[in-house]
Amino acid sequence: MSDKSRPPFDPSTIHLVGHPLPVLVSLASTDNSTVDLFRDSFLRPILVSTFAFPGHTAESLPTCEAAHQLESFKLHMSALKEVQSDLAVFGLSTDDISTLTRIRDTLQLPFELLSDAQGELADKLDLPRFTDANGRLALRRCVLVLEEGRVSRLLYPLADARDAGARAFRLLRHGMEPF
């Protein structure tokens, strides 16, 4: 990636690499189950892409940044699995599970979306957030790779939502990009 296309350095996530995952945080999943990222990260590597869907409706979904980001992962899913065949991929948002289910179904995503509607995981990891136009806390775009109970790799910031899947592929294949 050229310096020109690289987003400016943002130190707000530097604490995440190596950070242990919180225990006993169950996140609602769009497959009607709950996911414990701490526990599951001991079973296989997990890639989590955080996203926000602030103020959008189902009708505006095709044009929003979150849709571009999620579709980027959809397009790169086979490449991600080539690098790590047992990789689990999730999207994570502070939106409620019914909204996330609608997004997953509309975009026909090959992975589940997780809801951190109460912000428990975001608070415990101190994930980057912003307040949306409706006054709700929403997650900024980042990619976390979780292994053996901790955050092992990170992509942040993700300035271009359409490039998220390709950058995640490079992260898995080559490691972290320099700050």
C-alpha atoms as a PDB file:
ATOM      1  CA  MET A   1       0.000   0.000   0.000  1.00  0.00           C
ATOM      2  CA  SER A   2       1.439   3.366  -0.913  1.00  0.00           C
ATOM      3  CA  ASP A   3       1.822   6.079   1.707  1.00  0.00           C
ATOM      4  CA  LYS A   4      -0.624   8.187  -0.294  1.00  0.00           C
ATOM      5  CA  SER A   5      -3.465   5.668   0.137  1.00  0.00           C
ATOM      6  CA  ARG A   6      -2.676   4.784   3.743  1.00  0.00           C
ATOM      7  CA  PRO A   7      -4.978   6.395   6.323  1.00  0.00           C
ATOM      8  CA  PRO A   8      -3.237   8.590   8.882  1.00  0.00           C
ATOM      9  CA  PHE A   9      -1.825   6.827  11.926  1.00  0.00           C
ATOM     10  CA  ASP A  10      -4.360   6.577  14.745  1.00  0.00           C
ATOM     11  CA  PRO A  11      -2.938   5.284  18.041  1.00  0.00           C
ATOM     12  CA  SER A  12      -6.367   4.602  19.567  1.00  0.00           C
ATOM     13  CA  THR A  13      -6.127   0.857  18.894  1.00  0.00           C
ATOM     14  CA  ILE A  14      -2.451   0.206  19.611  1.00  0.00           C
ATOM     15  CA  HIS A  15      -3.439  -1.461  22.898  1.00  0.00           C
ATOM     16  CA  LEU A  16      -5.442  -4.160  21.104  1.00  0.00           C
ATOM     17  CA  VAL A  17      -2.645  -6.308  19.658  1.00  0.00           C
ATOM     18  CA  GLY A  18      -1.929  -8.975  22.254  1.00  0.00           C
ATOM     19  CA  HIS A  19      -4.899  -7.870  24.369  1.00  0.00           C
ATOM     20  CA  PRO A  20      -6.680 -10.796  26.035  1.00  0.00           C
ATOM     21  CA  LEU A  21     -10.294 -11.276  25.054  1.00  0.00           C
ATOM     22  CA  PRO A  22     -12.873 -10.854  27.802  1.00  0.00           C
ATOM     23  CA  VAL A  23     -14.403 -14.050  29.152  1.00  0.00           C
ATOM     24  CA  LEU A  24     -18.119 -14.719  29.481  1.00  0.00           C
ATOM     25  CA  VAL A  25     -19.204 -12.236  26.825  1.00  0.00           C
ATOM     26  CA  SER A  26     -21.851 -13.915  24.690  1.00  0.00           C
ATOM     27  CA  LEU A  27     -22.831 -12.127  21.503  1.00  0.00           C
ATOM     28  CA  ALA A  28     -26.103 -12.764  19.684  1.00  0.00           C
ATOM     29  CA  SER A  29     -25.541 -14.174  16.202  1.00  0.00           C
ATOM     30  CA  THR A  30     -27.694 -13.961  13.094  1.00  0.00           C
ATOM     31  CA  ASP A  31     -27.909 -17.779  13.068  1.00  0.00           C
ATOM     32  CA  ASN A  32     -29.929 -17.569  16.337  1.00  0.00           C
ATOM     33  CA  SER A  33     -27.031 -18.825  18.458  1.00  0.00           C
ATOM     34  CA  THR A  34     -24.678 -16.993  20.778  1.00  0.00           C
ATOM     35  CA  VAL A  35     -20.950 -16.719  20.202  1.00  0.00           C
ATOM     36  CA  ASP A  36     -18.251 -16.528  22.869  1.00  0.00           C
ATOM     37  CA  LEU A  37     -15.228 -15.184  20.989  1.00  0.00           C
ATOM     38  CA  PHE A  38     -12.849 -15.965  23.866  1.00  0.00           C
ATOM     39  CA  ARG A  39     -13.810 -19.642  23.994  1.00  0.00           C
ATOM     40  CA  ASP A  40     -14.105 -20.063  20.235  1.00  0.00           C
ATOM     41  CA  SER A  41     -10.694 -18.456  19.574  1.00  0.00           C
ATOM     42  CA  PHE A  42      -9.083 -21.495  21.216  1.00  0.00           C
ATOM     43  CA  LEU A  43     -10.819 -23.775  18.711  1.00  0.00           C
ATOM     44  CA  ARG A  44      -9.886 -21.914  15.512  1.00  0.00           C
ATOM     45  CA  PRO A  45      -8.694 -18.494  14.340  1.00  0.00           C
ATOM     46  CA  ILE A  46     -11.435 -15.881  14.076  1.00  0.00           C
ATOM     47  CA  LEU A  47     -11.563 -12.798  11.881  1.00  0.00           C
ATOM     48  CA  VAL A  48     -13.938 -10.087  13.112  1.00  0.00           C
ATOM     49  CA  SER A  49     -14.790  -7.079  10.984  1.00  0.00           C
ATOM     50  CA  THR A  50     -16.444  -4.297  12.967  1.00  0.00           C
ATOM     51  CA  PHE A  51     -18.866  -2.014  11.178  1.00  0.00           C
ATOM     52  CA  ALA A  52     -21.552   0.587  11.747  1.00  0.00           C
ATOM     53  CA  PHE A  53     -24.955   0.877  10.136  1.00  0.00           C
ATOM     54  CA  PRO A  54     -25.973   4.296  11.506  1.00  0.00           C
ATOM     55  CA  GLY A  55     -29.342   5.616  10.464  1.00  0.00           C
ATOM     56  CA  HIS A  56     -29.686   3.464   7.360  1.00  0.00           C
ATOM     57  CA  THR A  57     -32.772   1.589   6.277  1.00  0.00           C
ATOM     58  CA  ALA A  58     -33.009  -1.659   4.356  1.00  0.00           C
ATOM     59  CA  GLU A  59     -33.696   0.384   1.227  1.00  0.00           C
ATOM     60  CA  SER A  60     -30.477   2.388   1.587  1.00  0.00           C
ATOM     61  CA  LEU A  61     -28.350  -0.672   2.389  1.00  0.00           C
ATOM     62  CA  PRO A  62     -26.827  -1.110  -1.098  1.00  0.00           C
ATOM     63  CA  THR A  63     -25.277   2.368  -1.001  1.00  0.00           C
ATOM     64  CA  CYS A  64     -23.929   2.473   2.556  1.00  0.00           C
ATOM     65  CA  GLU A  65     -20.303   1.954   3.588  1.00  0.00           C
ATOM     66  CA  ALA A  66     -21.186  -0.996   5.844  1.00  0.00           C
ATOM     67  CA  ALA A  67     -22.627  -2.875   2.870  1.00  0.00           C
ATOM     68  CA  HIS A  68     -19.492  -2.212   0.805  1.00  0.00           C
ATOM     69  CA  GLN A  69     -17.333  -3.458   3.674  1.00  0.00           C
ATOM     70  CA  LEU A  70     -19.347  -6.645   4.226  1.00  0.00           C
ATOM     71  CA  GLU A  71     -19.537  -7.358   0.500  1.00  0.00           C
ATOM     72  CA  SER A  72     -15.762  -6.971   0.309  1.00  0.00           C
ATOM     73  CA  PHE A  73     -15.449  -9.843   2.792  1.00  0.00           C
ATOM     74  CA  LYS A  74     -18.028 -11.834   0.844  1.00  0.00           C
ATOM     75  CA  LEU A  75     -15.929 -11.408  -2.330  1.00  0.00           C
ATOM     76  CA  HIS A  76     -12.704 -12.407  -0.567  1.00  0.00           C
ATOM     77  CA  MET A  77     -14.092 -15.306   1.487  1.00  0.00           C
ATOM     78  CA  SER A  78     -12.509 -18.066  -0.605  1.00  0.00           C
ATOM     79  CA  ALA A  79      -9.120 -16.296  -0.559  1.00  0.00           C
ATOM     80  CA  LEU A  80      -9.337 -15.858   3.222  1.00  0.00           C
ATOM     81  CA  LYS A  81     -10.133 -19.570   3.600  1.00  0.00           C
ATOM     82  CA  GLU A  82      -7.195 -20.464   1.332  1.00  0.00           C
ATOM     83  CA  VAL A  83      -4.846 -18.780   3.786  1.00  0.00           C
ATOM     84  CA  GLN A  84      -6.492 -20.308   6.887  1.00  0.00           C
ATOM     85  CA  SER A  85      -8.953 -23.062   6.032  1.00  0.00           C
ATOM     86  CA  ASP A  86     -10.425 -23.253   9.542  1.00  0.00           C
ATOM     87  CA  LEU A  87     -10.912 -19.482   9.804  1.00  0.00           C
ATOM     88  CA  ALA A  88     -14.237 -18.284  11.219  1.00  0.00           C
ATOM     89  CA  VAL A  89     -15.402 -14.914   9.888  1.00  0.00           C
ATOM     90  CA  PHE A  90     -17.885 -12.622  11.628  1.00  0.00           C
ATOM     91  CA  GLY A  91     -19.132  -9.090  11.243  1.00  0.00           C
ATOM     92  CA  LEU A  92     -19.637  -7.200  14.526  1.00  0.00           C
ATOM     93  CA  SER A  93     -21.883  -4.208  15.116  1.00  0.00           C
ATOM     94  CA  THR A  94     -23.735  -2.471  17.925  1.00  0.00           C
ATOM     95  CA  ASP A  95     -26.964  -2.821  15.933  1.00  0.00           C
ATOM     96  CA  ASP A  96     -29.712  -5.115  17.211  1.00  0.00           C
ATOM     97  CA  ILE A  97     -29.901  -8.679  15.954  1.00  0.00           C
ATOM     98  CA  SER A  98     -33.044  -8.138  13.851  1.00  0.00           C
ATOM     99  CA  THR A  99     -31.314  -5.348  11.895  1.00  0.00           C
ATOM    100  CA  LEU A 100     -28.225  -7.516  11.447  1.00  0.00           C
ATOM    101  CA  THR A 101     -30.293 -10.482  10.275  1.00  0.00           C
ATOM    102  CA  ARG A 102     -31.936  -8.253   7.666  1.00  0.00           C
ATOM    103  CA  ILE A 103     -28.491  -7.046   6.517  1.00  0.00           C
ATOM    104  CA  ARG A 104     -27.096 -10.591   6.323  1.00  0.00           C
ATOM    105  CA  ASP A 105     -30.103 -11.847   4.375  1.00  0.00           C
ATOM    106  CA  THR A 106     -30.256  -8.861   2.007  1.00  0.00           C
ATOM    107  CA  LEU A 107     -26.541  -9.073   1.180  1.00  0.00           C
ATOM    108  CA  GLN A 108     -26.588 -12.901   1.159  1.00  0.00           C
ATOM    109  CA  LEU A 109     -23.467 -13.025   3.299  1.00  0.00           C
ATOM    110  CA  PRO A 110     -21.628 -16.351   3.706  1.00  0.00           C
ATOM    111  CA  PHE A 111     -20.823 -15.509   7.337  1.00  0.00           C
ATOM    112  CA  GLU A 112     -22.786 -14.510  10.420  1.00  0.00           C
ATOM    113  CA  LEU A 113     -23.089 -11.082  11.998  1.00  0.00           C
ATOM    114  CA  LEU A 114     -22.767 -10.575  15.750  1.00  0.00           C
ATOM    115  CA  SER A 115     -24.577  -7.995  17.846  1.00  0.00           C
ATOM    116  CA  ASP A 116     -22.840  -6.123  20.655  1.00  0.00           C
ATOM    117  CA  ALA A 117     -25.936  -3.981  21.192  1.00  0.00           C
ATOM    118  CA  GLN A 118     -25.099  -3.382  24.862  1.00  0.00           C
ATOM    119  CA  GLY A 119     -21.492  -2.506  24.002  1.00  0.00           C
ATOM    120  CA  GLU A 120     -20.061  -5.032  26.461  1.00  0.00           C
ATOM    121  CA  LEU A 121     -17.311  -6.347  24.177  1.00  0.00           C
ATOM    122  CA  ALA A 122     -16.599  -2.865  22.795  1.00  0.00           C
ATOM    123  CA  ASP A 123     -16.234  -1.512  26.332  1.00  0.00           C
ATOM    124  CA  LYS A 124     -14.008  -4.337  27.578  1.00  0.00           C
ATOM    125  CA  LEU A 125     -11.687  -4.138  24.564  1.00  0.00           C
ATOM    126  CA  ASP A 126     -11.983  -0.353  24.246  1.00  0.00           C
ATOM    127  CA  LEU A 127     -12.789  -0.666  20.551  1.00  0.00           C
ATOM    128  CA  PRO A 128     -12.823   2.572  18.532  1.00  0.00           C
ATOM    129  CA  ARG A 129     -16.315   4.089  18.461  1.00  0.00           C
ATOM    130  CA  PHE A 130     -18.207   7.192  17.486  1.00  0.00           C
ATOM    131  CA  THR A 131     -21.616   8.639  18.248  1.00  0.00           C
ATOM    132  CA  ASP A 132     -23.935   8.402  15.250  1.00  0.00           C
ATOM    133  CA  ALA A 133     -26.563  10.938  14.168  1.00  0.00           C
ATOM    134  CA  ASN A 134     -29.134   9.231  16.413  1.00  0.00           C
ATOM    135  CA  GLY A 135     -26.902   9.566  19.490  1.00  0.00           C
ATOM    136  CA  ARG A 136     -26.018   5.850  19.575  1.00  0.00           C
ATOM    137  CA  LEU A 137     -22.510   4.529  20.035  1.00  0.00           C
ATOM    138  CA  ALA A 138     -21.355   2.774  16.872  1.00  0.00           C
ATOM    139  CA  LEU A 139     -18.160   0.876  16.073  1.00  0.00           C
ATOM    140  CA  ARG A 140     -15.554   2.289  13.733  1.00  0.00           C
ATOM    141  CA  ARG A 141     -14.343  -0.051  10.991  1.00  0.00           C
ATOM    142  CA  CYS A 142     -11.507  -2.339  11.985  1.00  0.00           C
ATOM    143  CA  VAL A 143     -10.480  -5.960  11.512  1.00  0.00           C
ATOM    144  CA  LEU A 144      -9.379  -8.110  14.423  1.00  0.00           C
ATOM    145  CA  VAL A 145      -7.825 -11.560  14.174  1.00  0.00           C
ATOM    146  CA  LEU A 146      -8.443 -13.538  17.345  1.00  0.00           C
ATOM    147  CA  GLU A 147      -6.374 -16.561  18.340  1.00  0.00           C
ATOM    148  CA  GLU A 148      -5.894 -18.427  21.608  1.00  0.00           C
ATOM    149  CA  GLY A 149      -7.894 -15.993  23.714  1.00  0.00           C
ATOM    150  CA  ARG A 150      -6.320 -12.771  22.475  1.00  0.00           C
ATOM    151  CA  VAL A 151      -6.225 -10.264  19.639  1.00  0.00           C
ATOM    152  CA  SER A 152      -3.302 -11.415  17.503  1.00  0.00           C
ATOM    153  CA  ARG A 153      -3.548  -9.003  14.552  1.00  0.00           C
ATOM    154  CA  LEU A 154      -5.315  -5.767  13.737  1.00  0.00           C
ATOM    155  CA  LEU A 155      -6.217  -3.537  10.804  1.00  0.00           C
ATOM    156  CA  TYR A 156      -7.160   0.019  11.738  1.00  0.00           C
ATOM    157  CA  PRO A 157      -8.152   2.427  10.402  1.00  0.00           C
ATOM    158  CA  LEU A 158     -10.001   1.114   7.373  1.00  0.00           C
ATOM    159  CA  ALA A 159     -10.527   4.233   5.306  1.00  0.00           C
ATOM    160  CA  ASP A 160     -11.861   2.415   2.240  1.00  0.00           C
ATOM    161  CA  ALA A 161     -14.703   0.016   3.066  1.00  0.00           C
ATOM    162  CA  ARG A 162     -14.460  -1.602  -0.377  1.00  0.00           C
ATOM    163  CA  ASP A 163     -10.835  -2.618   0.294  1.00  0.00           C
ATOM    164  CA  ALA A 164     -11.477  -4.274   3.682  1.00  0.00           C
ATOM    165  CA  GLY A 165     -11.564  -7.868   2.424  1.00  0.00           C
ATOM    166  CA  ALA A 166      -8.384  -7.481   0.358  1.00  0.00           C
ATOM    167  CA  ARG A 167      -6.552  -5.888   3.277  1.00  0.00           C
ATOM    168  CA  ALA A 168      -7.731  -8.678   5.596  1.00  0.00           C
ATOM    169  CA  PHE A 169      -6.383 -11.211   3.100  1.00  0.00           C
ATOM    170  CA  ARG A 170      -3.006  -9.455   3.122  1.00  0.00           C
ATOM    171  CA  LEU A 171      -3.100  -9.338   6.926  1.00  0.00           C
ATOM    172  CA  LEU A 172      -3.600 -13.101   7.134  1.00  0.00           C
ATOM    173  CA  ARG A 173      -1.032 -13.850   4.456  1.00  0.00           C
ATOM    174  CA  HIS A 174       1.719 -11.363   5.349  1.00  0.00           C
ATOM    175  CA  GLY A 175       1.033 -10.066   8.850  1.00  0.00           C
ATOM    176  CA  MET A 176       0.317  -6.593  10.127  1.00  0.00           C
ATOM    177  CA  GLU A 177       0.931  -3.487   8.066  1.00  0.00           C
ATOM    178  CA  PRO A 178       3.429  -1.063   9.604  1.00  0.00           C
ATOM    179  CA  PHE A 179       1.983   1.935  11.401  1.00  0.00           C
END
